[in-house]
């Protein structure tokens, strides 16, 4: 009987310890959750935007007008779209339909301006705490908004300060300029939206992807690199000092147009024949361009066309003139796979894409990776 009594006391003590531990853990989790959900008090935030302007605003902000599509996308990746009260009018063309799947409310958002021209009156009606504009945005309109007491910040996704020609920069080190510019933009947008920790996580993910690419294709000699021409909208080609050129180099490629074109330029049949690349890269936001290259007899003699190496970059890869976070986090990896499928597998790209979408957009990844090119 004494043994039974001792056993009961031991079991009672053990049960009490378990209950106490559960309560302590639960309280700890509740405290952590409460701390995470506790709103951050707005404080003065002074920063230099990517055109060299000093901007002061109370951050986190509550109301943002975002007239720059890369910034709009990054804010969605940070989970800060609830702060946005107005967007640029061509968001669907500039980003693609996917953004409405991630943030359905964008379809009902006011559109007080374009990439190049803010609508001052419509912006004023929205009473924003700050307006985010592109580097090519009208400076006189920005000055007027500032006179009205509305802070304006230029996000270019590019370091080395303001350029004489926003779309045709001349950079001393393009790769460093775009790396610094993207990281800086993520930091600014993260602080404006009160999502500093998420911004650090986003950049860390991008750096992890770059490390994978560097290990796989970083030592390929110039003579063995894939040559690729990246094109945009109708007859537009990306040349020297555009981000996509840096993207190509990191992925083991090379842009022959960079020798002849500074910034954005135009292509024609003759210039393409001169460059005669292994690959032509179009974008799925401009489906008519892919169709033209693959059906127009004028391009039939190009090496890329003959070998079936005209590729349509998906919305999540973004081989653009300026980087988005997913350009670095996913696009460089995808391009390395397309160029060298034996070195970077489709499974690796898919795994990273799924993780990126789940972690940052908060939705499942529904895209496809595609097969790599065949070099002949």
Protein backbone atom coordinates (compact mmCIF):
# COMPACT_ATOMS: atom_id res chain seq x y z
CA UNK A 1 0.00 0.00 0.00
CA UNK A 2 2.89 2.32 0.85
CA UNK A 3 4.34 1.69 -2.62
CA UNK A 4 0.98 2.56 -4.20
CA UNK A 5 0.80 5.78 -2.20
CA UNK A 6 4.32 6.77 -3.25
CA UNK A 7 3.49 6.00 -6.89
CA UNK A 8 0.34 8.14 -6.74
CA UNK A 9 2.28 11.05 -5.25
CA UNK A 10 4.92 10.74 -7.95
CA UNK A 11 2.33 10.67 -10.72
CA UNK A 12 0.53 13.67 -9.22
CA UNK A 13 3.78 15.63 -9.05
CA UNK A 14 4.65 14.68 -12.62
CA UNK A 15 1.21 15.74 -13.86
CA UNK A 16 1.49 19.05 -12.03
CA UNK A 17 4.90 19.65 -13.57
CA UNK A 18 3.56 18.93 -17.06
CA UNK A 19 0.61 21.29 -16.58
CA UNK A 20 2.88 24.01 -15.23
CA UNK A 21 5.27 23.62 -18.15
CA UNK A 22 2.41 23.79 -20.65
CA UNK A 23 1.11 26.96 -19.03
CA UNK A 24 4.55 28.54 -19.08
CA UNK A 25 5.10 27.63 -22.73
CA UNK A 26 1.64 28.85 -23.64
CA UNK A 27 2.18 32.12 -21.83
CA UNK A 28 5.54 32.51 -23.52
CA UNK A 29 4.04 31.91 -26.95
CA UNK A 30 1.20 34.30 -26.23
CA UNK A 31 3.67 36.95 -25.12
CA UNK A 32 5.78 36.41 -28.24
CA UNK A 33 2.69 36.58 -30.45
CA UNK A 34 1.52 39.74 -28.71
CA UNK A 35 4.94 41.30 -29.18
CA UNK A 36 4.93 40.45 -32.87
CA UNK A 37 1.44 41.88 -33.36
CA UNK A 38 2.04 45.01 -31.28
CA UNK A 39 1.99 48.00 -33.61
CA UNK A 40 5.25 49.89 -33.90
CA UNK A 41 5.00 53.53 -32.84
CA UNK A 42 5.62 55.88 -35.76
CA UNK A 43 8.84 57.86 -35.50
CA UNK A 44 10.63 60.33 -37.75
CA UNK A 45 12.53 58.48 -40.46
CA UNK A 46 15.00 60.44 -42.56
CA UNK A 47 16.67 58.73 -45.50
CA UNK A 48 18.28 59.56 -48.82
CA UNK A 49 16.28 58.22 -51.74
CA UNK A 50 17.88 56.72 -54.84
CA UNK A 51 18.03 60.05 -56.66
CA UNK A 52 19.88 61.77 -53.81
CA UNK A 53 16.87 63.51 -52.23
CA UNK A 54 16.60 63.69 -48.45
CA UNK A 55 13.18 62.45 -47.33
CA UNK A 56 11.65 62.68 -43.86
CA UNK A 57 8.44 60.90 -42.94
CA UNK A 58 6.78 59.31 -39.92
CA UNK A 59 7.38 55.57 -40.21
CA UNK A 60 5.77 53.12 -40.33
CA UNK A 61 3.48 54.97 -42.69
CA UNK A 62 -0.23 54.27 -42.99
CA UNK A 63 -0.95 55.49 -46.52
CA UNK A 64 1.32 55.08 -49.57
CA UNK A 65 0.85 55.91 -53.23
CA UNK A 66 3.19 53.67 -55.23
CA UNK A 67 3.84 54.71 -58.83
CA UNK A 68 6.75 52.34 -59.40
CA UNK A 69 6.03 48.69 -60.18
CA UNK A 70 9.17 47.11 -58.69
CA UNK A 71 8.43 48.86 -55.40
CA UNK A 72 4.81 47.74 -55.55
CA UNK A 73 5.92 44.14 -55.98
CA UNK A 74 8.50 44.31 -53.19
CA UNK A 75 5.94 45.78 -50.79
CA UNK A 76 3.69 42.80 -51.57
CA UNK A 77 6.62 40.45 -50.90
CA UNK A 78 7.04 42.12 -47.52
CA UNK A 79 3.33 41.79 -46.78
CA UNK A 80 2.84 45.55 -46.65
CA UNK A 81 0.20 46.01 -49.34
CA UNK A 82 -2.36 47.08 -46.73
CA UNK A 83 -0.47 50.41 -46.61
CA UNK A 84 -1.03 51.14 -50.32
CA UNK A 85 -3.87 53.48 -51.30
CA UNK A 86 -2.94 54.17 -54.95
CA UNK A 87 -0.90 52.52 -57.72
CA UNK A 88 0.37 53.35 -61.21
CA UNK A 89 -2.21 52.97 -63.96
CA UNK A 90 -0.26 50.41 -66.02
CA UNK A 91 0.48 47.99 -63.17
CA UNK A 92 -0.98 45.04 -65.06
CA UNK A 93 1.17 45.60 -68.14
CA UNK A 94 4.28 46.44 -66.11
CA UNK A 95 4.07 43.50 -63.69
CA UNK A 96 1.67 40.95 -65.13
CA UNK A 97 -1.59 39.31 -64.10
CA UNK A 98 0.05 37.40 -61.24
CA UNK A 99 0.06 40.44 -58.97
CA UNK A 100 -3.76 40.45 -58.88
CA UNK A 101 -3.70 36.81 -57.77
CA UNK A 102 -1.39 37.75 -54.92
CA UNK A 103 -3.25 40.95 -54.05
CA UNK A 104 -6.80 40.92 -55.50
CA UNK A 105 -7.58 44.37 -54.05
CA UNK A 106 -5.22 45.97 -56.57
CA UNK A 107 -7.95 45.67 -59.20
CA UNK A 108 -10.00 48.26 -57.29
CA UNK A 109 -7.12 50.58 -56.36
CA UNK A 110 -7.10 54.23 -57.49
CA UNK A 111 -4.51 54.87 -60.22
CA UNK A 112 -3.30 58.46 -59.74
CA UNK A 113 -0.58 58.52 -62.36
CA UNK A 114 1.92 56.56 -64.43
CA UNK A 115 5.59 55.67 -64.17
CA UNK A 116 6.51 58.99 -65.76
CA UNK A 117 3.68 61.33 -64.74
CA UNK A 118 2.02 61.62 -61.31
CA UNK A 119 -1.47 63.10 -61.20
CA UNK A 120 -1.04 65.73 -58.51
CA UNK A 121 -4.72 66.40 -57.90
CA UNK A 122 -5.66 62.73 -57.61
CA UNK A 123 -2.72 61.99 -55.34
CA UNK A 124 -3.69 64.86 -53.03
CA UNK A 125 -7.20 63.42 -52.70
CA UNK A 126 -5.72 60.18 -51.34
CA UNK A 127 -3.86 62.01 -48.54
CA UNK A 128 -0.78 59.78 -48.64
CA UNK A 129 1.99 59.85 -46.07
CA UNK A 130 4.47 59.29 -48.90
CA UNK A 131 4.56 58.81 -52.67
CA UNK A 132 7.00 56.34 -54.25
CA UNK A 133 7.98 57.23 -57.82
CA UNK A 134 10.27 55.85 -60.53
CA UNK A 135 13.53 57.46 -61.62
CA UNK A 136 11.90 58.59 -64.88
CA UNK A 137 9.00 60.28 -63.07
CA UNK A 138 8.38 63.96 -63.81
CA UNK A 139 10.54 65.99 -61.43
CA UNK A 140 8.39 69.13 -61.59
CA UNK A 141 5.39 67.15 -60.37
CA UNK A 142 7.45 65.69 -57.54
CA UNK A 143 8.54 69.20 -56.55
CA UNK A 144 4.93 70.37 -56.53
CA UNK A 145 3.89 67.47 -54.29
CA UNK A 146 6.70 68.31 -51.88
CA UNK A 147 5.55 71.95 -51.81
CA UNK A 148 2.12 70.63 -50.81
CA UNK A 149 3.71 68.83 -47.86
CA UNK A 150 3.56 65.36 -49.42
CA UNK A 151 6.91 63.52 -49.20
CA UNK A 152 8.13 61.92 -52.43
CA UNK A 153 10.83 59.25 -52.68
CA UNK A 154 12.51 58.03 -55.87
CA UNK A 155 13.22 54.29 -56.03
CA UNK A 156 15.41 53.31 -58.97
CA UNK A 157 16.69 49.91 -57.73
CA UNK A 158 20.13 51.19 -58.66
CA UNK A 159 23.08 52.62 -56.80
CA UNK A 160 25.47 55.35 -57.97
CA UNK A 161 22.86 58.08 -57.51
CA UNK A 162 20.84 60.09 -59.99
CA UNK A 163 21.67 59.56 -63.66
CA UNK A 164 21.51 62.07 -66.52
CA UNK A 165 19.29 59.61 -68.40
CA UNK A 166 17.14 57.53 -66.08
CA UNK A 167 16.64 54.69 -68.56
CA UNK A 168 20.17 54.78 -69.97
CA UNK A 169 22.50 54.89 -66.96
CA UNK A 170 26.27 54.95 -67.17
CA UNK A 171 27.64 52.98 -64.27
CA UNK A 172 31.17 52.41 -63.04
CA UNK A 173 30.23 48.96 -61.72
CA UNK A 174 26.80 47.82 -62.87
CA UNK A 175 26.65 44.62 -60.84
CA UNK A 176 27.49 46.42 -57.61
CA UNK A 177 25.17 49.32 -58.46
CA UNK A 178 22.15 47.06 -58.94
CA UNK A 179 23.00 44.86 -55.97
CA UNK A 180 23.35 47.88 -53.69
CA UNK A 181 20.30 49.53 -55.25
CA UNK A 182 18.02 46.56 -54.76
CA UNK A 183 19.20 45.94 -51.21
CA UNK A 184 18.75 49.63 -50.40
CA UNK A 185 15.25 49.72 -51.90
CA UNK A 186 14.20 46.67 -49.89
CA UNK A 187 15.54 48.27 -46.70
CA UNK A 188 13.75 51.58 -47.35
CA UNK A 189 10.44 49.94 -48.24
CA UNK A 190 10.76 47.57 -45.31
CA UNK A 191 11.19 50.43 -42.86
CA UNK A 192 8.42 52.53 -44.42
CA UNK A 193 5.97 49.64 -44.00
CA UNK A 194 7.22 48.57 -40.57
CA UNK A 195 8.56 45.28 -41.90
CA UNK A 196 12.27 45.60 -41.30
CA UNK A 197 12.69 41.98 -40.21
CA UNK A 198 10.91 40.69 -43.31
CA UNK A 199 13.09 42.92 -45.48
CA UNK A 200 16.23 41.36 -43.98
CA UNK A 201 14.77 37.90 -44.56
CA UNK A 202 13.98 38.75 -48.18
CA UNK A 203 17.50 39.93 -48.93
CA UNK A 204 19.01 36.92 -47.16
CA UNK A 205 16.94 34.62 -49.39
CA UNK A 206 18.22 36.44 -52.48
CA UNK A 207 21.81 36.07 -51.32
CA UNK A 208 21.30 32.35 -50.70
CA UNK A 209 20.10 31.90 -54.27
CA UNK A 210 23.07 33.83 -55.61
CA UNK A 211 25.41 31.53 -53.72
CA UNK A 212 23.82 28.51 -55.43
CA UNK A 213 24.27 30.12 -58.84
CA UNK A 214 27.86 31.16 -58.16
CA UNK A 215 28.82 27.65 -57.07
CA UNK A 216 27.21 26.09 -60.16
CA UNK A 217 28.26 28.41 -63.00
CA UNK A 218 30.46 31.15 -61.57
CA UNK A 219 33.71 29.91 -63.08
CA UNK A 220 32.59 29.34 -66.68
CA UNK A 221 35.18 30.97 -69.03
CA UNK A 222 34.01 33.74 -71.34
CA UNK A 223 34.68 31.63 -74.43
CA UNK A 224 32.25 28.96 -73.21
CA UNK A 225 29.44 31.24 -72.08
CA UNK A 226 26.00 31.26 -73.68
CA UNK A 227 25.39 34.44 -75.70
CA UNK A 228 21.92 35.86 -75.17
CA UNK A 229 20.01 38.93 -76.29
CA UNK A 230 17.36 40.15 -73.79
CA UNK A 231 14.47 42.02 -75.39
CA UNK A 232 11.58 43.96 -73.93
CA UNK A 233 8.61 45.55 -75.66
CA UNK A 234 8.40 46.17 -79.41
CA UNK A 235 11.92 46.32 -80.93
CA UNK A 236 13.51 47.24 -77.57
CA UNK A 237 16.74 45.56 -76.52
CA UNK A 238 18.59 45.85 -73.22
CA UNK A 239 22.23 46.86 -73.66
CA UNK A 240 25.12 47.89 -71.45
CA UNK A 241 24.60 48.91 -67.81
CA UNK A 242 21.12 47.39 -67.49
CA UNK A 243 20.46 44.89 -64.71
CA UNK A 244 19.61 42.01 -67.06
CA UNK A 245 23.18 42.14 -68.37
CA UNK A 246 24.44 41.53 -64.83
CA UNK A 247 21.87 38.77 -64.52
CA UNK A 248 23.21 37.10 -67.67
CA UNK A 249 26.80 37.27 -66.44
CA UNK A 250 25.91 35.76 -63.07
CA UNK A 251 23.98 32.97 -64.82
CA UNK A 252 26.90 32.10 -67.08
CA UNK A 253 25.84 34.12 -70.11
CA UNK A 254 26.91 37.19 -72.03
CA UNK A 255 25.01 39.94 -73.85
CA UNK A 256 26.62 40.75 -77.23
CA UNK A 257 24.33 43.78 -77.63
CA UNK A 258 26.11 45.46 -74.72
CA UNK A 259 29.00 46.39 -77.03
CA UNK A 260 26.72 48.46 -79.27
CA UNK A 261 23.83 49.63 -77.07
CA UNK A 262 24.08 51.83 -73.98
CA UNK A 263 21.06 51.31 -71.75
CA UNK A 264 17.86 50.71 -73.69
CA UNK A 265 18.05 50.64 -77.48
CA UNK A 266 16.32 49.30 -80.55
CA UNK A 267 16.95 46.12 -82.49
CA UNK A 268 16.18 45.20 -86.07
CA UNK A 269 16.78 42.16 -88.24
CA UNK A 270 20.23 43.41 -89.25
CA UNK A 271 21.48 44.06 -85.72
CA UNK A 272 20.18 40.71 -84.51
CA UNK A 273 21.92 38.98 -87.41
CA UNK A 274 25.15 40.73 -86.43
CA UNK A 275 24.88 39.59 -82.81
CA UNK A 276 23.41 36.18 -83.80
CA UNK A 277 23.04 34.97 -80.21
CA UNK A 278 22.63 31.43 -78.92
CA UNK A 279 19.47 32.56 -77.11
CA UNK A 280 16.85 35.30 -77.39
CA UNK A 281 15.07 36.08 -74.13
CA UNK A 282 11.61 37.62 -74.32
CA UNK A 283 9.19 38.23 -71.43
CA UNK A 284 5.75 36.78 -70.83
CA UNK A 285 4.38 40.25 -70.11
CA UNK A 286 4.97 40.93 -73.83
CA UNK A 287 3.61 37.73 -75.45
CA UNK A 288 3.45 39.35 -78.88
CA UNK A 289 7.26 39.58 -78.96
CA UNK A 290 7.76 35.86 -78.45
CA UNK A 291 5.19 35.17 -81.14
CA UNK A 292 6.94 37.51 -83.56
CA UNK A 293 10.33 35.85 -83.12
CA UNK A 294 8.94 32.35 -83.48
CA UNK A 295 6.64 32.97 -86.46
CA UNK A 296 8.04 35.87 -88.52
CA UNK A 297 10.18 34.56 -91.44
CA UNK A 298 12.40 37.64 -91.12
CA UNK A 299 14.01 36.08 -88.04
CA UNK A 300 14.19 32.51 -89.33
CA UNK A 301 17.93 32.58 -90.08
CA UNK A 302 18.96 33.54 -86.56
CA UNK A 303 20.82 30.81 -84.66
CA UNK A 304 18.51 31.09 -81.65
CA UNK A 305 15.41 30.68 -83.81
CA UNK A 306 16.81 27.78 -85.81
CA UNK A 307 17.79 25.90 -82.66
CA UNK A 308 14.51 26.55 -80.86
CA UNK A 309 16.21 28.74 -78.27
CA UNK A 310 13.82 31.69 -78.16
CA UNK A 311 12.66 31.55 -74.56
CA UNK A 312 9.84 33.43 -72.89
CA UNK A 313 10.90 34.38 -69.38
CA UNK A 314 8.15 33.80 -66.80
CA UNK A 315 6.75 36.57 -64.63
CA UNK A 316 8.64 35.34 -61.57
CA UNK A 317 12.09 35.50 -63.24
CA UNK A 318 11.98 39.17 -64.32
CA UNK A 319 15.02 39.66 -66.61
CA UNK A 320 14.38 43.40 -66.69
CA UNK A 321 16.34 46.60 -66.97
CA UNK A 322 16.13 47.07 -63.19
CA UNK A 323 16.00 44.25 -60.63
CA UNK A 324 13.08 43.12 -58.52
CA UNK A 325 13.71 40.98 -55.45
CA UNK A 326 12.59 37.86 -57.29
CA UNK A 327 14.94 38.69 -60.18
CA UNK A 328 17.82 37.93 -57.83
CA UNK A 329 16.09 35.38 -55.60
CA UNK A 330 14.69 33.31 -58.49
CA UNK A 331 15.46 34.78 -61.91
CA UNK A 332 19.23 34.40 -61.87
CA UNK A 333 18.82 30.79 -60.72
CA UNK A 334 16.20 30.10 -63.41
CA UNK A 335 18.41 31.57 -66.12
CA UNK A 336 21.40 29.49 -64.97
CA UNK A 337 19.17 26.42 -65.29
CA UNK A 338 17.98 27.42 -68.75
CA UNK A 339 21.57 27.92 -69.95
CA UNK A 340 23.11 24.94 -68.13
CA UNK A 341 20.43 22.41 -67.11
CA UNK A 342 23.18 19.90 -66.32
CA UNK A 343 24.58 22.26 -63.67
CA UNK A 344 21.36 23.69 -62.18
CA UNK A 345 18.38 21.33 -62.14
CA UNK A 346 14.75 22.28 -62.60
CA UNK A 347 14.02 20.68 -59.22
CA UNK A 348 16.33 23.13 -57.44
CA UNK A 349 14.65 26.09 -59.14
CA UNK A 350 11.18 24.76 -58.33
CA UNK A 351 12.08 24.18 -54.69
CA UNK A 352 13.35 27.75 -54.31
CA UNK A 353 10.35 29.21 -56.13
CA UNK A 354 7.88 27.36 -53.92
CA UNK A 355 9.69 28.51 -50.80
CA UNK A 356 9.86 32.12 -52.00
CA UNK A 357 6.15 32.33 -52.79
CA UNK A 358 5.13 30.68 -49.54
CA UNK A 359 7.48 32.80 -47.42
CA UNK A 360 7.03 36.20 -49.03
CA UNK A 361 3.84 36.33 -51.09
CA UNK A 362 2.00 33.93 -48.80
CA UNK A 363 0.48 32.02 -51.73
CA UNK A 364 1.38 28.74 -53.48
CA UNK A 365 3.73 28.90 -56.46
CA UNK A 366 1.85 27.86 -59.60
CA UNK A 367 4.48 28.56 -62.25
CA UNK A 368 6.55 26.14 -64.31
CA UNK A 369 10.32 26.05 -64.69
CA UNK A 370 10.75 24.68 -68.21
CA UNK A 371 13.51 22.73 -69.89
CA UNK A 372 16.94 24.16 -70.48
CA UNK A 373 18.20 25.13 -73.92
CA UNK A 374 19.98 22.79 -76.30
CA UNK A 375 23.26 24.19 -77.61
CA UNK A 376 24.20 23.10 -81.12
